[in-house]
Amino acid sequence: MTDTKSQLLHLVFGGELEDIDGVTFKDLDQLDIVGIYPNYAAAHAAWKSKAQQTVDNAHMRYFVVHLHRLLDPESGSNAR
């Protein structure tokens, strides 16, 4: 089994928001799960690519979630 501390997993996902000032999605069934990445750099590259593809839709937003922080909340929260 791989040591989870050596894997800094990140999830990239997005969707259309109800309001550009919030984070409530218009339709949860339409969320775009881009993928899970082994480090922040790979996740950031995927996020940037998807964000650029949807730049014409002001309501579309993509996010990077630090899964490693959820899996091991006692580890340093500033790790990337």
N, C-alpha and C. Protein backbone atom coordinates (compact mmCIF):
# COMPACT_ATOMS: atom_id res chain seq x y z
N MET A 1 0.85 -1.19 0.00
CA MET A 1 0.00 0.00 0.00
C MET A 1 0.89 1.24 0.00
N THR A 2 0.50 2.23 -0.78
CA THR A 2 1.27 3.45 -0.91
C THR A 2 1.04 4.35 0.30
N ASP A 3 2.10 5.00 0.75
CA ASP A 3 2.00 5.93 1.88
C ASP A 3 1.22 7.16 1.44
N THR A 4 0.10 7.45 2.09
CA THR A 4 -0.74 8.59 1.70
C THR A 4 -0.04 9.93 1.92
N LYS A 5 0.94 9.99 2.79
CA LYS A 5 1.64 11.25 3.03
C LYS A 5 2.49 11.65 1.83
N SER A 6 2.90 10.66 0.99
CA SER A 6 3.70 10.98 -0.18
C SER A 6 2.81 11.34 -1.38
N GLN A 7 1.50 11.14 -1.24
CA GLN A 7 0.56 11.49 -2.29
C GLN A 7 -0.23 12.73 -1.87
N LEU A 8 -0.03 13.79 -2.57
CA LEU A 8 -0.77 15.02 -2.27
C LEU A 8 -1.89 15.15 -3.31
N LEU A 9 -2.91 14.29 -3.15
CA LEU A 9 -3.99 14.21 -4.12
C LEU A 9 -4.84 15.48 -4.17
N HIS A 10 -5.22 15.85 -5.41
CA HIS A 10 -6.05 17.03 -5.65
C HIS A 10 -7.14 16.67 -6.65
N LEU A 11 -8.35 17.14 -6.39
CA LEU A 11 -9.49 16.95 -7.27
C LEU A 11 -9.77 18.25 -8.01
N VAL A 12 -10.01 18.14 -9.32
CA VAL A 12 -10.40 19.30 -10.12
C VAL A 12 -11.81 19.03 -10.65
N PHE A 13 -12.71 19.96 -10.38
CA PHE A 13 -14.08 19.83 -10.86
C PHE A 13 -14.67 21.22 -11.07
N GLY A 14 -15.79 21.26 -11.77
CA GLY A 14 -16.43 22.54 -11.99
C GLY A 14 -17.84 22.38 -12.50
N GLY A 15 -18.46 23.52 -12.71
CA GLY A 15 -19.81 23.54 -13.22
C GLY A 15 -20.32 24.96 -13.29
N GLU A 16 -21.53 25.07 -13.76
CA GLU A 16 -22.14 26.39 -13.89
C GLU A 16 -22.77 26.81 -12.56
N LEU A 17 -22.45 28.01 -12.13
CA LEU A 17 -22.96 28.54 -10.87
C LEU A 17 -24.28 29.27 -11.07
N GLU A 18 -25.12 29.27 -10.04
CA GLU A 18 -26.37 30.03 -10.09
C GLU A 18 -26.10 31.53 -10.12
N ASP A 19 -25.07 31.96 -9.39
CA ASP A 19 -24.74 33.38 -9.25
C ASP A 19 -23.22 33.50 -9.26
N ILE A 20 -22.70 34.46 -9.98
CA ILE A 20 -21.24 34.57 -10.09
C ILE A 20 -20.57 34.96 -8.76
N ASP A 21 -21.35 35.43 -7.81
CA ASP A 21 -20.79 35.80 -6.51
C ASP A 21 -20.85 34.67 -5.49
N GLY A 22 -21.41 33.52 -5.87
CA GLY A 22 -21.57 32.41 -4.93
C GLY A 22 -20.86 31.15 -5.40
N VAL A 23 -21.12 30.09 -4.69
CA VAL A 23 -20.56 28.78 -5.07
C VAL A 23 -21.65 27.71 -5.07
N THR A 24 -22.88 28.11 -5.39
CA THR A 24 -23.98 27.16 -5.51
C THR A 24 -24.12 26.81 -6.99
N PHE A 25 -24.02 25.51 -7.28
CA PHE A 25 -24.10 25.08 -8.67
C PHE A 25 -25.53 25.05 -9.17
N LYS A 26 -25.70 25.41 -10.43
CA LYS A 26 -27.01 25.45 -11.06
C LYS A 26 -27.63 24.06 -11.17
N ASP A 27 -26.83 23.05 -11.56
CA ASP A 27 -27.33 21.69 -11.76
C ASP A 27 -26.24 20.70 -11.35
N LEU A 28 -26.42 20.06 -10.21
CA LEU A 28 -25.40 19.12 -9.71
C LEU A 28 -25.19 17.93 -10.64
N ASP A 29 -26.22 17.58 -11.41
CA ASP A 29 -26.07 16.48 -12.37
C ASP A 29 -25.14 16.83 -13.52
N GLN A 30 -24.87 18.10 -13.70
CA GLN A 30 -24.02 18.56 -14.80
C GLN A 30 -22.60 18.92 -14.35
N LEU A 31 -22.22 18.59 -13.12
CA LEU A 31 -20.86 18.88 -12.67
C LEU A 31 -19.85 18.16 -13.56
N ASP A 32 -18.77 18.84 -13.85
CA ASP A 32 -17.69 18.29 -14.67
C ASP A 32 -16.57 17.85 -13.74
N ILE A 33 -16.44 16.55 -13.54
CA ILE A 33 -15.34 16.01 -12.72
C ILE A 33 -14.16 15.82 -13.67
N VAL A 34 -13.19 16.72 -13.60
CA VAL A 34 -12.06 16.70 -14.51
C VAL A 34 -11.13 15.55 -14.16
N GLY A 35 -10.82 15.38 -12.87
CA GLY A 35 -9.97 14.27 -12.46
C GLY A 35 -9.32 14.48 -11.12
N ILE A 36 -8.59 13.45 -10.71
CA ILE A 36 -7.80 13.48 -9.48
C ILE A 36 -6.34 13.43 -9.89
N TYR A 37 -5.54 14.32 -9.30
CA TYR A 37 -4.15 14.49 -9.71
C TYR A 37 -3.22 14.26 -8.53
N PRO A 38 -1.98 13.80 -8.81
CA PRO A 38 -1.05 13.41 -7.75
C PRO A 38 -0.37 14.57 -7.04
N ASN A 39 -0.51 15.78 -7.57
CA ASN A 39 0.13 16.94 -6.93
C ASN A 39 -0.57 18.22 -7.40
N TYR A 40 -0.25 19.30 -6.72
CA TYR A 40 -0.90 20.57 -7.02
C TYR A 40 -0.56 21.08 -8.41
N ALA A 41 0.67 20.90 -8.84
CA ALA A 41 1.08 21.41 -10.16
C ALA A 41 0.25 20.77 -11.28
N ALA A 42 0.04 19.47 -11.22
CA ALA A 42 -0.76 18.78 -12.24
C ALA A 42 -2.22 19.22 -12.16
N ALA A 43 -2.74 19.37 -10.95
CA ALA A 43 -4.11 19.82 -10.77
C ALA A 43 -4.30 21.24 -11.28
N HIS A 44 -3.35 22.09 -11.00
CA HIS A 44 -3.42 23.48 -11.45
C HIS A 44 -3.41 23.56 -12.97
N ALA A 45 -2.60 22.74 -13.62
CA ALA A 45 -2.55 22.72 -15.08
C ALA A 45 -3.91 22.29 -15.65
N ALA A 46 -4.53 21.27 -15.06
CA ALA A 46 -5.84 20.80 -15.51
C ALA A 46 -6.90 21.87 -15.26
N TRP A 47 -6.86 22.50 -14.09
CA TRP A 47 -7.80 23.57 -13.76
C TRP A 47 -7.67 24.72 -14.76
N LYS A 48 -6.46 25.13 -15.04
CA LYS A 48 -6.22 26.26 -15.95
C LYS A 48 -6.73 25.95 -17.35
N SER A 49 -6.50 24.75 -17.81
CA SER A 49 -6.97 24.34 -19.13
C SER A 49 -8.49 24.39 -19.22
N LYS A 50 -9.18 23.83 -18.23
CA LYS A 50 -10.65 23.84 -18.23
C LYS A 50 -11.18 25.26 -18.07
N ALA A 51 -10.57 26.05 -17.22
CA ALA A 51 -11.02 27.43 -17.01
C ALA A 51 -10.88 28.23 -18.31
N GLN A 52 -9.81 28.02 -19.05
CA GLN A 52 -9.61 28.74 -20.31
C GLN A 52 -10.61 28.30 -21.37
N GLN A 53 -11.01 27.03 -21.32
CA GLN A 53 -11.98 26.52 -22.30
C GLN A 53 -13.37 27.11 -22.09
N THR A 54 -13.65 27.55 -20.88
CA THR A 54 -14.99 28.05 -20.55
C THR A 54 -14.99 29.55 -20.24
N VAL A 55 -14.00 30.25 -20.69
CA VAL A 55 -13.84 31.67 -20.35
C VAL A 55 -15.02 32.52 -20.84
N ASP A 56 -15.72 32.08 -21.87
CA ASP A 56 -16.85 32.86 -22.40
C ASP A 56 -18.11 32.75 -21.56
N ASN A 57 -18.14 31.83 -20.61
CA ASN A 57 -19.30 31.65 -19.74
C ASN A 57 -18.94 32.14 -18.34
N ALA A 58 -19.41 33.33 -17.97
CA ALA A 58 -19.06 33.93 -16.68
C ALA A 58 -19.55 33.11 -15.49
N HIS A 59 -20.55 32.27 -15.69
CA HIS A 59 -21.09 31.47 -14.59
C HIS A 59 -20.36 30.14 -14.40
N MET A 60 -19.50 29.77 -15.33
CA MET A 60 -18.79 28.51 -15.23
C MET A 60 -17.53 28.68 -14.38
N ARG A 61 -17.36 27.82 -13.37
CA ARG A 61 -16.19 27.89 -12.49
C ARG A 61 -15.62 26.50 -12.26
N TYR A 62 -14.32 26.45 -12.19
CA TYR A 62 -13.61 25.22 -11.84
C TYR A 62 -12.85 25.45 -10.54
N PHE A 63 -12.70 24.37 -9.78
CA PHE A 63 -12.08 24.43 -8.47
C PHE A 63 -11.04 23.32 -8.31
N VAL A 64 -10.05 23.59 -7.46
CA VAL A 64 -9.07 22.57 -7.06
C VAL A 64 -9.34 22.29 -5.58
N VAL A 65 -9.58 21.02 -5.25
CA VAL A 65 -9.82 20.60 -3.87
C VAL A 65 -8.61 19.81 -3.41
N HIS A 66 -8.06 20.19 -2.28
CA HIS A 66 -6.89 19.51 -1.71
C HIS A 66 -7.35 18.26 -0.97
N LEU A 67 -7.50 17.16 -1.70
CA LEU A 67 -8.00 15.92 -1.09
C LEU A 67 -7.09 15.42 0.02
N HIS A 68 -5.78 15.62 -0.12
CA HIS A 68 -4.85 15.13 0.89
C HIS A 68 -5.11 15.78 2.25
N ARG A 69 -5.63 16.99 2.24
CA ARG A 69 -5.96 17.65 3.52
C ARG A 69 -7.19 17.03 4.15
N LEU A 70 -8.12 16.56 3.34
CA LEU A 70 -9.31 15.91 3.86
C LEU A 70 -8.99 14.50 4.37
N LEU A 71 -8.06 13.84 3.70
CA LEU A 71 -7.68 12.48 4.08
C LEU A 71 -6.85 12.45 5.36
N ASP A 72 -6.05 13.50 5.57
CA ASP A 72 -5.19 13.57 6.75
C ASP A 72 -5.20 15.00 7.29
N PRO A 73 -6.31 15.39 7.95
CA PRO A 73 -6.45 16.78 8.40
C PRO A 73 -5.44 17.22 9.44
N GLU A 74 -4.79 16.28 10.12
CA GLU A 74 -3.82 16.64 11.14
C GLU A 74 -2.47 17.00 10.55
N SER A 75 -2.25 16.67 9.29
CA SER A 75 -0.98 17.05 8.66
C SER A 75 -1.03 18.55 8.38
N GLY A 76 0.10 19.15 8.08
CA GLY A 76 0.15 20.59 7.85
C GLY A 76 -0.80 21.04 6.78
N SER A 77 -1.61 22.03 7.07
CA SER A 77 -2.61 22.50 6.11
C SER A 77 -2.00 23.39 5.04
N ASN A 78 -0.74 23.75 5.15
CA ASN A 78 -0.11 24.61 4.16
C ASN A 78 0.66 23.83 3.11
N ALA A 79 0.69 22.51 3.19
CA ALA A 79 1.42 21.69 2.23
C ALA A 79 0.75 21.79 0.87
N ARG A 80 1.56 21.84 -0.17
CA ARG A 80 1.04 21.83 -1.55
C ARG A 80 1.58 20.59 -2.17
